[in-house]
Amino acid sequence: IEASNLKKVSCDKGNLSYVDHNSSQHLFQFLEFNCYGKSTTGNNIITPFVLGFEEFFSQVFYLGPNRINPQHFYHWKGTHPKKIEFSGFGAIDAVLSGGIRKLKSSNAKDATLIEDRISEWLQKMKLVHSFRVIPTKLLDDQNYEVRIRKSPNSAEVTLTDMGYGLADVLPMLIYCYYVEEGSTLILEQPGVHLHPMVQSELADFFIEVVNERNLQILVESHSEHLLTRLQRRIAEEKISSDQTALYFCENKNGSSELIPLDLDEFGNIKNWPKNFFGNEMGDLFAMTKAQSERRKRMEAE
């Protein structure tokens, strides 16, 4: 909330309200304890503002580029995880708890298991033929393993027997179904270990969860394939340019500057950063020239 937009701010018995220049009144109600368990009672006028920020950022989630290595076994105590760590730790717990608490979306026709959604998208990305999380029946009844079948006729193996790309993308898919509707996700380098086709499919996945679950997703990526698929879907009206914002981070004189890219309704970018994806046309021209000169030398021999 920018102070310049406010006409009146008031706080009464833990309820913070303000009126903007459009004469619209907004009311926030706060709990008696903040996220640190500290009492909010008292006459501190700043407390409701602090709690307001805490409430807002409680719906912001971050997944870093360095994901936890796949495990042979996952220990689950039967409870829903409070959060998934930035390394992806706790993602399998979220899948298991989804078997008890079905994923419910206001735009989905039916309540769906998180595991079913993950399996569906892994198949679309052609990463697996089947995906399931089952009890190991070893040591105790709280140990589970992820079982993967790469193709219809291949043997079923554990997640540790698959390539790192699958273990890398799995927490990201789970995260997008684990968080509450309307949440904000920050995903750093989501396709760094994935081949080009899967990077393209990631764009379709993001579009689906944004439209279906009303998520806001901030992606830091250098993937040309992800960006090109996003541009295509804008042209196909699967998502609008108004729902999409692109920024290029440029280093100028030792400081970084975010430059908005001008994306139109047809998916075109009008102010491409110079040589961002390399000089593709220059490389093709140089390759053609080298091929021609090489053929001439071979014919002359």
Protein backbone atom coordinates (compact mmCIF):
# COMPACT_ATOMS: atom_id res chain seq x y z
CA ILE A 1 0.00 0.00 0.00
CA GLU A 2 1.63 3.26 -1.05
CA ALA A 3 1.23 6.06 1.48
CA SER A 4 0.47 8.57 -1.30
CA ASN A 5 -2.67 6.61 -2.16
CA LEU A 6 -4.13 6.75 1.36
CA LYS A 7 -6.59 9.30 2.69
CA LYS A 8 -7.27 7.80 6.09
CA VAL A 9 -5.73 4.99 8.12
CA SER A 10 -7.28 3.81 11.38
CA CYS A 11 -6.76 0.97 13.81
CA ASP A 12 -9.49 -0.14 16.20
CA LYS A 13 -9.17 -3.22 18.44
CA GLY A 14 -6.77 -5.02 16.15
CA ASN A 15 -8.66 -4.15 12.96
CA LEU A 16 -6.70 -2.08 10.47
CA SER A 17 -8.67 -0.12 7.86
CA TYR A 18 -7.81 2.49 5.27
CA VAL A 19 -9.61 4.53 2.61
CA ASP A 20 -7.88 5.19 -0.73
CA HIS A 21 -8.34 8.04 -3.18
CA ASN A 22 -11.14 6.10 -4.86
CA SER A 23 -13.09 6.26 -1.58
CA SER A 24 -12.95 2.46 -1.30
CA GLN A 25 -12.64 1.15 2.23
CA HIS A 26 -10.45 -1.85 2.98
CA LEU A 27 -10.42 -3.79 6.25
CA PHE A 28 -7.84 -6.22 7.59
CA GLN A 29 -8.45 -8.39 10.65
CA PHE A 30 -5.53 -9.84 12.55
CA LEU A 31 -5.03 -12.68 14.98
CA GLU A 32 -3.95 -12.12 18.57
CA PHE A 33 -0.56 -13.75 17.90
CA ASN A 34 1.88 -13.22 15.07
CA CYS A 35 3.77 -15.96 13.22
CA TYR A 36 6.46 -15.96 15.94
CA GLY A 37 3.91 -16.68 18.68
CA LYS A 38 4.30 -13.22 20.19
CA SER A 39 1.20 -11.54 21.59
CA THR A 40 -0.09 -8.64 19.53
CA THR A 41 -2.13 -7.07 22.31
CA GLY A 42 -1.16 -3.62 23.45
CA ASN A 43 -1.20 -0.08 22.15
CA ASN A 44 1.56 -0.42 19.54
CA ILE A 45 0.07 1.19 16.42
CA ILE A 46 2.68 -0.42 14.15
CA THR A 47 1.76 -3.98 15.15
CA PRO A 48 -1.22 -4.33 12.76
CA PHE A 49 0.97 -3.17 9.88
CA VAL A 50 3.63 -5.74 10.76
CA LEU A 51 1.00 -8.45 10.96
CA GLY A 52 -0.41 -7.33 7.64
CA PHE A 53 2.95 -7.87 5.98
CA GLU A 54 3.34 -11.23 7.74
CA GLU A 55 -0.08 -12.33 6.56
CA PHE A 56 0.70 -11.30 2.99
CA PHE A 57 4.12 -12.98 2.85
CA SER A 58 2.75 -16.17 4.41
CA GLN A 59 1.28 -16.80 0.94
CA VAL A 60 4.65 -16.32 -0.81
CA PHE A 61 6.73 -19.46 -1.45
CA TYR A 62 10.23 -19.90 -2.85
CA LEU A 63 11.91 -22.87 -4.54
CA GLY A 64 15.63 -22.49 -5.14
CA PRO A 65 17.74 -23.84 -8.02
CA ASN A 66 19.58 -26.44 -5.91
CA ARG A 67 17.10 -29.22 -5.12
CA ILE A 68 17.53 -31.99 -2.58
CA ASN A 69 18.87 -35.26 -3.97
CA PRO A 70 16.32 -38.05 -4.49
CA GLN A 71 16.00 -40.51 -1.60
CA HIS A 72 15.52 -44.28 -1.54
CA PHE A 73 12.92 -43.90 1.22
CA TYR A 74 10.76 -41.05 2.50
CA HIS A 75 9.62 -41.03 6.12
CA TRP A 76 6.10 -39.66 6.54
CA LYS A 77 4.32 -39.41 9.90
CA GLY A 78 0.85 -39.02 8.43
CA THR A 79 0.53 -35.25 8.80
CA HIS A 80 0.25 -32.47 6.24
CA PRO A 81 3.58 -30.60 5.96
CA LYS A 82 3.49 -26.99 7.09
CA LYS A 83 5.74 -26.05 4.20
CA ILE A 84 8.05 -27.35 1.50
CA GLU A 85 11.63 -26.19 1.99
CA PHE A 86 13.37 -24.06 -0.65
CA SER A 87 15.43 -27.17 -1.53
CA GLY A 88 12.28 -29.19 -2.20
CA PHE A 89 12.47 -31.11 1.08
CA GLY A 90 8.96 -32.12 2.16
CA ALA A 91 7.57 -32.38 -1.37
CA ILE A 92 6.85 -36.12 -1.13
CA ASP A 93 5.13 -35.52 2.23
CA ALA A 94 2.80 -33.14 0.40
CA VAL A 95 1.97 -35.84 -2.15
CA LEU A 96 1.23 -38.38 0.58
CA SER A 97 -0.91 -35.99 2.60
CA GLY A 98 -2.80 -35.21 -0.59
CA GLY A 99 -4.18 -38.74 -0.41
CA ILE A 100 -6.01 -37.70 2.73
CA ARG A 101 -6.80 -34.10 1.90
CA LYS A 102 -7.84 -33.93 -1.75
CA LEU A 103 -6.80 -31.00 -3.85
CA LYS A 104 -9.80 -28.72 -4.26
CA SER A 105 -9.86 -25.95 -6.83
CA SER A 106 -12.69 -23.53 -7.50
CA ASN A 107 -12.14 -24.00 -11.23
CA ALA A 108 -11.71 -27.78 -11.20
CA LYS A 109 -14.71 -29.98 -11.90
CA ASP A 110 -13.78 -32.52 -9.27
CA ALA A 111 -11.44 -32.78 -6.32
CA THR A 112 -8.24 -34.39 -7.57
CA LEU A 113 -5.37 -36.09 -5.83
CA ILE A 114 -2.05 -34.26 -6.07
CA GLU A 115 -0.43 -37.56 -7.03
CA ASP A 116 -2.78 -37.93 -10.02
CA ARG A 117 -2.03 -34.42 -11.25
CA ILE A 118 1.72 -34.96 -10.93
CA SER A 119 1.51 -38.28 -12.78
CA GLU A 120 -0.54 -36.66 -15.54
CA TRP A 121 2.00 -33.91 -16.12
CA LEU A 122 5.01 -36.19 -15.94
CA GLN A 123 3.38 -38.24 -18.69
CA LYS A 124 2.67 -35.13 -20.77
CA MET A 125 6.32 -34.19 -20.46
CA LYS A 126 7.25 -37.74 -21.52
CA LEU A 127 9.43 -38.11 -18.44
CA VAL A 128 7.63 -41.21 -17.13
CA HIS A 129 4.91 -43.68 -18.06
CA SER A 130 3.72 -44.05 -14.46
CA PHE A 131 4.38 -42.41 -11.10
CA ARG A 132 3.25 -43.51 -7.65
CA VAL A 133 4.24 -43.25 -4.00
CA ILE A 134 3.78 -46.47 -2.02
CA PRO A 135 4.68 -47.90 1.42
CA THR A 136 7.94 -49.82 1.47
CA LYS A 137 6.84 -52.16 4.30
CA LEU A 138 10.42 -52.01 5.56
CA LEU A 139 11.41 -51.11 9.13
CA ASP A 140 8.02 -49.53 9.91
CA ASP A 141 4.81 -48.44 8.23
CA GLN A 142 5.96 -44.81 7.89
CA ASN A 143 8.50 -45.36 5.12
CA TYR A 144 7.51 -44.73 1.51
CA GLU A 145 9.22 -44.85 -1.85
CA VAL A 146 8.59 -43.20 -5.22
CA ARG A 147 8.12 -45.81 -7.94
CA ILE A 148 8.67 -44.86 -11.59
CA ARG A 149 8.06 -46.72 -14.81
CA LYS A 150 9.80 -45.03 -17.74
CA SER A 151 7.86 -46.85 -20.48
CA PRO A 152 5.00 -49.40 -20.58
CA ASN A 153 7.40 -52.33 -20.87
CA SER A 154 10.21 -51.09 -18.64
CA ALA A 155 10.87 -52.25 -15.09
CA GLU A 156 9.51 -50.19 -12.22
CA VAL A 157 12.36 -48.45 -10.38
CA THR A 158 12.79 -45.93 -7.57
CA LEU A 159 13.36 -42.22 -8.03
CA THR A 160 17.07 -42.63 -7.28
CA ASP A 161 17.43 -44.83 -10.39
CA MET A 162 16.18 -42.08 -12.69
CA GLY A 163 18.02 -39.09 -14.10
CA TYR A 164 18.49 -35.96 -12.03
CA GLY A 165 16.10 -34.00 -14.23
CA LEU A 166 13.05 -35.85 -12.91
CA ALA A 167 14.05 -35.35 -9.27
CA ASP A 168 14.66 -31.70 -10.10
CA VAL A 169 11.27 -30.99 -11.68
CA LEU A 170 9.19 -33.05 -9.23
CA PRO A 171 9.26 -30.59 -6.26
CA MET A 172 8.25 -27.77 -8.59
CA LEU A 173 5.19 -29.62 -9.92
CA ILE A 174 4.18 -30.61 -6.39
CA TYR A 175 4.66 -27.07 -5.07
CA CYS A 176 2.21 -25.64 -7.61
CA TYR A 177 -0.52 -27.98 -6.32
CA TYR A 178 0.51 -27.88 -2.65
CA VAL A 179 0.07 -24.14 -2.03
CA GLU A 180 -3.31 -22.54 -1.46
CA GLU A 181 -5.12 -20.91 -4.35
CA GLY A 182 -4.07 -17.30 -4.88
CA SER A 183 -0.53 -17.88 -3.57
CA THR A 184 2.66 -16.45 -5.08
CA LEU A 185 5.49 -18.79 -6.07
CA ILE A 186 9.06 -17.77 -6.83
CA LEU A 187 10.85 -20.43 -8.92
CA GLU A 188 14.54 -20.08 -9.66
CA GLN A 189 15.92 -21.83 -12.77
CA PRO A 190 13.06 -24.36 -13.08
CA GLY A 191 14.37 -26.02 -16.25
CA VAL A 192 18.09 -26.03 -15.63
CA HIS A 193 18.41 -29.86 -15.75
CA LEU A 194 15.67 -30.51 -18.32
CA HIS A 195 15.95 -31.10 -22.05
CA PRO A 196 14.36 -28.55 -24.45
CA MET A 197 11.01 -30.29 -24.97
CA VAL A 198 10.32 -30.46 -21.23
CA GLN A 199 11.32 -26.81 -20.84
CA SER A 200 8.61 -25.97 -23.38
CA GLU A 201 6.07 -28.13 -21.54
CA LEU A 202 6.85 -26.22 -18.34
CA ALA A 203 5.30 -23.12 -19.90
CA ASP A 204 2.06 -25.05 -20.51
CA PHE A 205 2.13 -26.33 -16.94
CA PHE A 206 2.54 -22.82 -15.52
CA ILE A 207 -0.31 -21.53 -17.68
CA GLU A 208 -2.62 -24.28 -16.45
CA VAL A 209 -1.99 -23.75 -12.73
CA VAL A 210 -2.18 -19.96 -13.11
CA ASN A 211 -5.58 -20.21 -14.80
CA GLU A 212 -6.91 -23.05 -12.66
CA ARG A 213 -5.56 -22.13 -9.23
CA ASN A 214 -5.15 -18.36 -9.56
CA LEU A 215 -1.44 -18.53 -8.77
CA GLN A 216 1.10 -15.81 -9.42
CA ILE A 217 4.37 -17.38 -10.53
CA LEU A 218 7.67 -15.52 -10.74
CA VAL A 219 10.17 -17.48 -12.85
CA GLU A 220 13.87 -16.69 -13.16
CA SER A 221 15.06 -18.48 -16.28
CA HIS A 222 17.31 -18.28 -19.34
CA SER A 223 15.30 -20.89 -21.25
CA GLU A 224 14.52 -19.84 -24.82
CA HIS A 225 12.24 -22.88 -25.16
CA LEU A 226 10.09 -21.91 -22.18
CA LEU A 227 9.80 -18.33 -23.42
CA THR A 228 8.98 -19.32 -27.01
CA ARG A 229 6.19 -21.65 -25.85
CA LEU A 230 4.79 -18.87 -23.67
CA GLN A 231 4.78 -16.49 -26.65
CA ARG A 232 3.01 -19.12 -28.75
CA ARG A 233 0.29 -19.63 -26.14
CA ILE A 234 -0.31 -15.89 -25.95
CA ALA A 235 -0.81 -15.86 -29.74
CA GLU A 236 -3.19 -18.83 -29.37
CA GLU A 237 -5.08 -16.97 -26.60
CA LYS A 238 -4.40 -19.66 -23.99
CA ILE A 239 -3.18 -16.86 -21.76
CA SER A 240 -3.28 -13.12 -22.31
CA SER A 241 -0.36 -10.72 -22.44
CA ASP A 242 -2.06 -8.85 -19.58
CA GLN A 243 -1.47 -11.91 -17.40
CA THR A 244 2.20 -12.00 -18.34
CA ALA A 245 5.11 -9.69 -17.57
CA LEU A 246 8.67 -10.18 -18.82
CA TYR A 247 11.78 -8.49 -17.48
CA PHE A 248 15.41 -8.56 -18.55
CA CYS A 249 18.06 -8.03 -15.90
CA GLU A 250 20.93 -5.94 -17.27
CA ASN A 251 24.12 -4.96 -15.51
CA LYS A 252 24.92 -1.30 -15.95
CA ASN A 253 27.96 0.29 -14.32
CA GLY A 254 28.12 -2.35 -11.60
CA SER A 255 24.43 -2.36 -10.72
CA SER A 256 21.56 -4.49 -11.99
CA GLU A 257 18.53 -2.95 -13.66
CA LEU A 258 15.24 -4.66 -14.50
CA ILE A 259 14.09 -3.68 -17.97
CA PRO A 260 10.45 -4.46 -18.85
CA LEU A 261 10.05 -6.23 -22.19
CA ASP A 262 7.24 -4.93 -24.38
CA LEU A 263 5.02 -7.98 -24.98
CA ASP A 264 2.03 -7.44 -27.26
CA GLU A 265 -1.26 -9.35 -27.49
CA PHE A 266 0.15 -11.61 -30.22
CA GLY A 267 3.14 -12.74 -28.17
CA ASN A 268 5.69 -10.54 -29.94
CA ILE A 269 8.48 -8.90 -27.94
CA LYS A 270 9.19 -5.47 -29.40
CA ASN A 271 12.36 -4.61 -27.49
CA TRP A 272 14.46 -7.78 -27.49
CA PRO A 273 17.71 -7.45 -25.50
CA LYS A 274 20.64 -7.50 -27.92
CA ASN A 275 22.13 -10.99 -28.38
CA PHE A 276 20.28 -12.34 -25.33
CA PHE A 277 20.05 -15.82 -26.85
CA GLY A 278 23.25 -15.38 -28.82
CA ASN A 279 23.63 -14.36 -32.44
CA GLU A 280 21.62 -17.22 -33.97
CA MET A 281 21.43 -15.74 -37.46
CA GLY A 282 25.13 -14.90 -37.34
CA ASP A 283 25.98 -18.47 -36.34
CA LEU A 284 23.85 -19.91 -39.17
CA PHE A 285 25.45 -17.57 -41.70
CA ALA A 286 28.96 -18.42 -40.49
CA MET A 287 28.17 -22.16 -40.57
CA THR A 288 26.82 -21.95 -44.14
CA LYS A 289 29.88 -19.99 -45.25
CA ALA A 290 32.26 -22.50 -43.63
CA GLN A 291 30.41 -25.42 -45.25
CA SER A 292 30.65 -23.81 -48.68
CA GLU A 293 34.36 -23.09 -48.34
CA ARG A 294 35.03 -26.62 -47.07
CA ARG A 295 33.20 -28.19 -50.03
CA LYS A 296 35.24 -26.08 -52.45
CA ARG A 297 38.48 -27.28 -50.85
CA MET A 298 37.33 -30.92 -50.97
CA GLU A 299 36.39 -30.59 -54.67
CA ALA A 300 39.76 -29.02 -55.47
CA GLU A 301 41.71 -31.90 -53.93
